[in-house]
């Protein structure tokens, strides 16, 4: 009898796992979500897709994912690039160190003059780098497209259904910060906890160029991107909010708007259109946990804000492992055992 594979969680990771399972020939696959497709972190994400990480393992995942994103239509993924700005010698040294690693792995990183980006304030910038194949995407639409493709290949999609109530011979847990709770009944304690992060959109603005890249300040972590006639902003909060409550801190919004006005003066008078909050599923080293955690039970969670951008590579690799195939990417660095064995290698670039 063919085994039944249930994928718990219909966000970017779960959708990708289900899609790739079907693509690899699996037949009895169910994609289940306790709420709705892309209703969790995926539906609230910034939407950036980059290869500019500080560890080789993350760069390789991103490279595999970019190869997939680049096949999508422009309305789902737009390769406008990721531009990192340094305003200090120390910041520039960090940029250059990461760029050297990324180039060694085959990522095309260019040193550029930030003043060439129309509208961008660059008089305090001492150096900048860009990867032009990086870009921005529409996370919920991409997830829904993967679900559509999976369903067209025979995957059963169930919304508002707890996967643990279904019969399965194999379970893949891809529930973001809730994954620790979903895994607990199988006798596994996962070091995943929710971090509330918020985003702000300002606009509409006239004259926003479609070519505007994702702009990231190296020293502050402040970054923004174009979204139609709007700019979407994100910034690390001084005091992390370790909670699953998706609450906007309204007191931060004026500060963020002021930072945008400084870095991108054409948006100085732009009104705040909306603000929202969503969870990062964080691990102690800001790397995901991927692999078998029990008999027929697999985990793909703890992406620490990078899940959407890494979902194509992770989805395929997890699907391959579930089916007994050799994954295209090395998942060894992401095994849950690393936390007990002291094999941590913290990712430094968590935006």
Protein backbone atom coordinates (compact mmCIF):
# COMPACT_ATOMS: atom_id res chain seq x y z
CA UNK A 1 0.00 0.00 0.00
CA UNK A 2 1.33 3.44 -0.93
CA UNK A 3 2.25 5.57 2.07
CA UNK A 4 0.36 8.73 2.82
CA UNK A 5 2.44 11.87 3.27
CA UNK A 6 0.90 14.75 5.18
CA UNK A 7 2.53 18.17 5.10
CA UNK A 8 1.50 20.33 8.05
CA UNK A 9 1.52 24.03 7.25
CA UNK A 10 0.57 25.72 3.97
CA UNK A 11 2.96 28.63 4.13
CA UNK A 12 5.92 29.03 1.81
CA UNK A 13 7.84 26.02 3.16
CA UNK A 14 4.92 23.60 3.32
CA UNK A 15 3.63 24.66 -0.09
CA UNK A 16 7.09 24.10 -1.58
CA UNK A 17 7.45 20.68 0.06
CA UNK A 18 4.06 19.58 -1.27
CA UNK A 19 4.79 20.94 -4.75
CA UNK A 20 8.14 19.20 -4.96
CA UNK A 21 6.77 15.93 -3.58
CA UNK A 22 4.26 15.91 -6.43
CA UNK A 23 6.91 16.90 -8.94
CA UNK A 24 9.07 13.98 -7.78
CA UNK A 25 6.22 11.54 -8.30
CA UNK A 26 4.66 11.13 -4.85
CA UNK A 27 0.99 10.32 -5.21
CA UNK A 28 -0.78 10.25 -1.83
CA UNK A 29 0.09 13.70 -0.49
CA UNK A 30 -2.04 15.97 1.68
CA UNK A 31 -1.18 19.62 2.36
CA UNK A 32 -2.96 20.71 5.53
CA UNK A 33 -3.19 24.01 7.37
CA UNK A 34 -4.94 24.75 10.63
CA UNK A 35 -5.95 28.11 9.14
CA UNK A 36 -5.64 28.99 5.44
CA UNK A 37 -2.99 29.04 2.74
CA UNK A 38 -0.31 31.66 3.43
CA UNK A 39 -2.22 32.95 6.45
CA UNK A 40 0.78 32.86 8.79
CA UNK A 41 4.20 34.45 8.47
CA UNK A 42 4.24 34.03 4.68
CA UNK A 43 1.26 36.35 4.32
CA UNK A 44 2.98 39.04 6.37
CA UNK A 45 6.52 38.82 5.00
CA UNK A 46 8.74 41.58 3.60
CA UNK A 47 9.19 39.59 0.40
CA UNK A 48 12.93 39.96 -0.10
CA UNK A 49 14.94 37.22 -1.81
CA UNK A 50 18.72 37.42 -1.41
CA UNK A 51 21.88 35.39 -1.67
CA UNK A 52 23.89 37.77 0.51
CA UNK A 53 24.28 35.81 3.73
CA UNK A 54 27.22 35.48 6.10
CA UNK A 55 27.53 31.68 6.11
CA UNK A 56 28.22 29.37 3.20
CA UNK A 57 25.34 27.03 3.98
CA UNK A 58 22.79 29.85 3.79
CA UNK A 59 24.31 31.20 0.58
CA UNK A 60 24.00 27.80 -1.07
CA UNK A 61 20.33 27.46 -0.06
CA UNK A 62 19.68 30.91 -1.45
CA UNK A 63 21.45 30.15 -4.74
CA UNK A 64 19.28 27.08 -5.30
CA UNK A 65 16.18 29.10 -4.46
CA UNK A 66 17.06 31.99 -6.76
CA UNK A 67 17.34 29.50 -9.61
CA UNK A 68 13.67 28.66 -9.01
CA UNK A 69 12.45 32.21 -8.36
CA UNK A 70 14.01 33.33 -11.64
CA UNK A 71 11.59 31.04 -13.51
CA UNK A 72 8.55 32.86 -12.12
CA UNK A 73 6.78 35.70 -13.92
CA UNK A 74 7.84 39.24 -13.02
CA UNK A 75 4.70 39.91 -10.98
CA UNK A 76 5.72 37.10 -8.60
CA UNK A 77 9.48 37.74 -8.48
CA UNK A 78 11.25 40.90 -9.64
CA UNK A 79 15.08 40.74 -9.73
CA UNK A 80 15.71 44.38 -8.84
CA UNK A 81 18.72 43.51 -6.67
CA UNK A 82 19.71 43.94 -3.04
CA UNK A 83 21.82 47.02 -2.33
CA UNK A 84 23.79 47.08 0.95
CA UNK A 85 25.09 50.46 2.12
CA UNK A 86 27.93 51.02 4.58
CA UNK A 87 28.35 54.33 6.38
CA UNK A 88 31.45 53.44 8.39
CA UNK A 89 34.80 51.76 7.82
CA UNK A 90 33.76 48.88 10.07
CA UNK A 91 30.52 48.45 8.14
CA UNK A 92 32.35 48.47 4.84
CA UNK A 93 34.82 45.86 6.10
CA UNK A 94 31.91 43.60 7.08
CA UNK A 95 30.31 44.08 3.65
CA UNK A 96 33.56 43.24 1.89
CA UNK A 97 34.21 40.17 4.04
CA UNK A 98 30.78 38.76 3.25
CA UNK A 99 31.13 39.70 -0.42
CA UNK A 100 34.38 37.72 -0.63
CA UNK A 101 32.66 34.62 0.74
CA UNK A 102 29.70 35.08 -1.59
CA UNK A 103 31.92 35.54 -4.65
CA UNK A 104 33.88 32.39 -3.75
CA UNK A 105 30.56 30.52 -3.89
CA UNK A 106 29.68 31.98 -7.28
CA UNK A 107 27.38 34.85 -6.31
CA UNK A 108 27.86 37.90 -8.51
CA UNK A 109 28.49 40.76 -6.08
CA UNK A 110 29.40 44.20 -7.44
CA UNK A 111 30.84 47.22 -5.70
CA UNK A 112 28.72 50.20 -6.77
CA UNK A 113 28.29 53.92 -6.25
CA UNK A 114 25.11 54.32 -4.20
CA UNK A 115 24.77 57.89 -5.50
CA UNK A 116 23.76 56.42 -8.86
CA UNK A 117 20.43 55.23 -7.41
CA UNK A 118 17.93 58.03 -8.14
CA UNK A 119 16.54 59.62 -4.99
CA UNK A 120 18.82 57.78 -2.57
CA UNK A 121 20.82 59.83 -0.07
CA UNK A 122 24.43 58.69 -0.33
CA UNK A 123 26.57 61.54 1.01
CA UNK A 124 27.31 59.51 4.15
CA UNK A 125 27.89 56.20 2.32
CA UNK A 126 31.50 55.02 2.26
CA UNK A 127 30.83 51.92 0.17
CA UNK A 128 28.06 49.75 -1.26
CA UNK A 129 27.59 46.36 -2.88
CA UNK A 130 24.75 44.89 -4.90
CA UNK A 131 23.71 41.49 -6.17
CA UNK A 132 21.49 42.18 -9.17
CA UNK A 133 19.97 38.70 -9.35
CA UNK A 134 18.50 39.14 -5.86
CA UNK A 135 15.12 40.78 -5.72
CA UNK A 136 11.65 41.09 -4.27
CA UNK A 137 8.62 38.85 -4.49
CA UNK A 138 5.00 38.51 -3.45
CA UNK A 139 5.14 35.78 -0.77
CA UNK A 140 1.44 34.89 -0.45
CA UNK A 141 0.97 34.84 -4.22
CA UNK A 142 4.03 32.63 -4.69
CA UNK A 143 2.79 30.24 -2.01
CA UNK A 144 -0.65 30.08 -3.59
CA UNK A 145 0.91 29.43 -6.99
CA UNK A 146 2.88 26.50 -5.58
CA UNK A 147 -0.27 25.17 -3.94
CA UNK A 148 -2.11 25.52 -7.24
CA UNK A 149 0.59 23.56 -9.03
CA UNK A 150 0.63 20.92 -6.30
CA UNK A 151 -3.14 20.51 -6.44
CA UNK A 152 -3.00 20.24 -10.23
CA UNK A 153 -0.57 17.34 -9.75
CA UNK A 154 -2.88 15.52 -7.37
CA UNK A 155 -2.01 16.91 -3.93
CA UNK A 156 -5.07 17.13 -1.67
CA UNK A 157 -5.26 20.56 -0.04
CA UNK A 158 -7.08 20.94 3.26
CA UNK A 159 -7.52 24.28 4.98
CA UNK A 160 -8.75 24.68 8.57
CA UNK A 161 -7.57 21.17 9.32
CA UNK A 162 -5.16 20.05 12.04
CA UNK A 163 -2.70 17.71 10.34
CA UNK A 164 -2.33 15.65 13.50
CA UNK A 165 -5.95 14.55 13.14
CA UNK A 166 -5.24 12.98 9.74
CA UNK A 167 -3.95 9.49 9.08
CA UNK A 168 -0.41 9.46 7.76
CA UNK A 169 2.62 7.26 7.46
CA UNK A 170 4.89 10.30 6.99
CA UNK A 171 4.42 13.75 8.50
CA UNK A 172 6.35 16.87 7.50
CA UNK A 173 6.00 19.68 10.06
CA UNK A 174 6.33 23.11 8.48
CA UNK A 175 4.27 25.26 10.84
CA UNK A 176 6.67 28.11 11.57
CA UNK A 177 6.88 29.05 15.25
CA UNK A 178 4.07 26.61 16.08
CA UNK A 179 6.22 23.69 14.89
CA UNK A 180 7.62 23.12 18.37
CA UNK A 181 4.11 22.50 19.70
CA UNK A 182 3.20 20.27 16.76
CA UNK A 183 6.36 18.20 17.29
CA UNK A 184 6.03 17.91 21.08
CA UNK A 185 3.64 14.90 21.05
CA UNK A 186 6.33 12.94 19.20
CA UNK A 187 8.70 13.38 22.14
CA UNK A 188 10.82 16.09 20.54
CA UNK A 189 11.67 19.42 22.12
CA UNK A 190 12.63 21.97 19.45
CA UNK A 191 14.35 25.28 20.33
CA UNK A 192 12.02 27.40 18.22
CA UNK A 193 10.30 30.47 19.61
CA UNK A 194 8.33 33.34 18.05
CA UNK A 195 9.74 36.82 17.63
CA UNK A 196 7.24 39.54 16.76
CA UNK A 197 8.45 41.72 13.88
CA UNK A 198 6.57 44.56 12.25
CA UNK A 199 6.50 46.24 8.87
CA UNK A 200 5.26 49.61 7.68
CA UNK A 201 4.12 50.74 4.24
CA UNK A 202 4.10 54.38 3.20
CA UNK A 203 2.57 55.93 0.11
CA UNK A 204 1.28 56.14 -2.47
CA UNK A 205 4.23 57.92 -4.05
CA UNK A 206 4.49 59.24 -7.59
CA UNK A 207 7.61 58.59 -9.59
CA UNK A 208 8.84 55.43 -7.84
CA UNK A 209 11.16 53.72 -10.29
CA UNK A 210 10.46 50.02 -10.95
CA UNK A 211 14.23 49.46 -10.83
CA UNK A 212 14.59 50.61 -7.20
CA UNK A 213 16.45 47.81 -5.39
CA UNK A 214 15.94 46.57 -1.89
CA UNK A 215 18.05 49.03 0.10
CA UNK A 216 19.71 47.84 3.32
CA UNK A 217 21.75 49.91 5.76
CA UNK A 218 24.58 47.72 7.01
CA UNK A 219 25.04 49.40 10.38
CA UNK A 220 21.39 49.87 11.37
CA UNK A 221 19.63 47.02 9.58
CA UNK A 222 16.98 49.45 8.32
CA UNK A 223 15.77 48.40 4.87
CA UNK A 224 13.05 49.19 2.39
CA UNK A 225 11.69 48.09 -0.98
CA UNK A 226 9.21 49.25 -3.57
CA UNK A 227 5.80 47.63 -3.65
CA UNK A 228 3.83 49.11 -6.56
CA UNK A 229 3.44 52.81 -5.58
CA UNK A 230 4.38 52.16 -1.97
CA UNK A 231 7.55 51.63 0.02
CA UNK A 232 7.66 48.79 2.54
CA UNK A 233 9.95 49.36 5.55
CA UNK A 234 11.48 47.08 8.15
CA UNK A 235 13.89 47.65 11.02
CA UNK A 236 15.19 45.56 13.89
CA UNK A 237 13.68 46.71 17.16
CA UNK A 238 15.99 47.78 19.97
CA UNK A 239 14.18 45.47 22.39
CA UNK A 240 13.16 42.15 20.80
CA UNK A 241 9.57 41.10 21.44
CA UNK A 242 9.64 37.36 22.14
CA UNK A 243 5.95 36.73 21.69
CA UNK A 244 3.50 35.26 19.22
CA UNK A 245 1.18 38.25 19.66
CA UNK A 246 1.06 40.12 16.35
CA UNK A 247 0.84 43.64 17.72
CA UNK A 248 2.11 46.79 16.02
CA UNK A 249 4.13 49.12 18.22
CA UNK A 250 2.72 52.41 16.96
CA UNK A 251 5.41 54.37 18.79
CA UNK A 252 8.02 53.02 16.36
CA UNK A 253 6.24 54.10 13.18
CA UNK A 254 7.26 57.81 13.20
CA UNK A 255 10.90 56.83 13.81
CA UNK A 256 10.83 54.43 10.87
CA UNK A 257 9.21 57.03 8.61
CA UNK A 258 11.87 59.55 9.63
CA UNK A 259 14.62 57.05 8.82
CA UNK A 260 13.13 56.52 5.38
CA UNK A 261 12.91 60.28 4.82
CA UNK A 262 16.61 60.53 5.66
CA UNK A 263 17.75 57.72 3.39
CA UNK A 264 15.23 58.32 0.61
CA UNK A 265 14.18 62.02 0.68
CA UNK A 266 11.51 61.70 -2.07
CA UNK A 267 9.43 59.83 0.53
CA UNK A 268 9.72 62.51 3.20
CA UNK A 269 6.07 63.54 2.93
CA UNK A 270 4.65 60.09 2.21
CA UNK A 271 1.79 59.15 4.52
CA UNK A 272 1.73 55.90 6.44
CA UNK A 273 -0.62 53.58 4.59
CA UNK A 274 -0.57 50.66 7.00
CA UNK A 275 1.50 48.78 9.54
CA UNK A 276 1.32 45.13 10.54
CA UNK A 277 3.15 42.53 12.57
CA UNK A 278 4.05 38.90 12.06
CA UNK A 279 6.21 36.21 13.65
CA UNK A 280 9.75 35.05 12.91
CA UNK A 281 10.30 31.43 13.98
CA UNK A 282 13.70 31.87 15.61
CA UNK A 283 16.33 29.31 16.59
CA UNK A 284 19.39 29.94 18.80
CA UNK A 285 21.71 30.27 15.78
CA UNK A 286 19.19 31.79 13.34
CA UNK A 287 19.41 28.75 11.06
CA UNK A 288 16.49 26.41 10.29
CA UNK A 289 15.96 22.96 11.72
CA UNK A 290 15.54 20.42 8.92
CA UNK A 291 15.47 16.64 9.09
CA UNK A 292 13.97 13.54 10.66
CA UNK A 293 12.87 13.90 14.27
CA UNK A 294 11.05 10.62 14.70
CA UNK A 295 9.75 7.55 12.91
CA UNK A 296 8.19 8.97 9.77
CA UNK A 297 8.25 12.53 11.16
CA UNK A 298 10.27 15.34 9.58
CA UNK A 299 10.75 18.99 10.50
CA UNK A 300 11.37 22.08 8.35
CA UNK A 301 11.03 25.12 10.58
CA UNK A 302 12.93 27.77 12.52
CA UNK A 303 13.89 29.81 9.46
CA UNK A 304 14.41 33.00 11.48
CA UNK A 305 12.93 35.30 8.87
CA UNK A 306 14.47 33.56 5.84
CA UNK A 307 11.86 30.89 5.17
CA UNK A 308 10.18 32.41 2.15
CA UNK A 309 13.41 33.21 0.32
CA UNK A 310 14.81 29.72 0.98
CA UNK A 311 11.57 27.82 0.43
CA UNK A 312 12.23 26.54 -3.12
CA UNK A 313 15.54 24.86 -2.22
CA UNK A 314 14.33 23.61 1.16
CA UNK A 315 11.06 22.29 -0.24
CA UNK A 316 12.82 20.25 -2.88
CA UNK A 317 15.50 18.96 -0.51
CA UNK A 318 12.95 17.90 2.13
CA UNK A 319 10.80 16.22 -0.51
CA UNK A 320 13.83 14.32 -1.76
CA UNK A 321 14.76 13.19 1.73
CA UNK A 322 11.22 12.09 2.53
CA UNK A 323 11.22 9.97 -0.62
CA UNK A 324 14.57 8.40 0.18
CA UNK A 325 16.49 10.38 -2.44
CA UNK A 326 19.75 12.30 -2.05
CA UNK A 327 18.92 15.98 -1.53
CA UNK A 328 20.33 18.47 -4.04
CA UNK A 329 21.67 20.59 -1.15
CA UNK A 330 23.55 19.47 1.93
CA UNK A 331 21.15 19.53 4.89
CA UNK A 332 23.77 18.39 7.40
CA UNK A 333 24.28 21.88 8.92
CA UNK A 334 20.58 22.11 9.76
CA UNK A 335 20.02 18.88 11.67
CA UNK A 336 18.34 19.22 15.09
CA UNK A 337 21.19 17.30 16.72
CA UNK A 338 23.50 20.30 16.36
CA UNK A 339 22.05 21.98 19.44
CA UNK A 340 23.12 19.13 21.71
CA UNK A 341 26.46 18.67 19.98
CA UNK A 342 27.58 22.30 20.09
CA UNK A 343 27.82 22.52 16.30
CA UNK A 344 26.37 26.01 16.00
CA UNK A 345 27.42 28.52 13.35
CA UNK A 346 25.31 31.64 13.88
CA UNK A 347 23.97 33.50 10.86
CA UNK A 348 24.85 37.15 11.37
CA UNK A 349 22.64 38.75 8.74
CA UNK A 350 19.13 38.50 10.18
CA UNK A 351 17.10 41.46 8.90
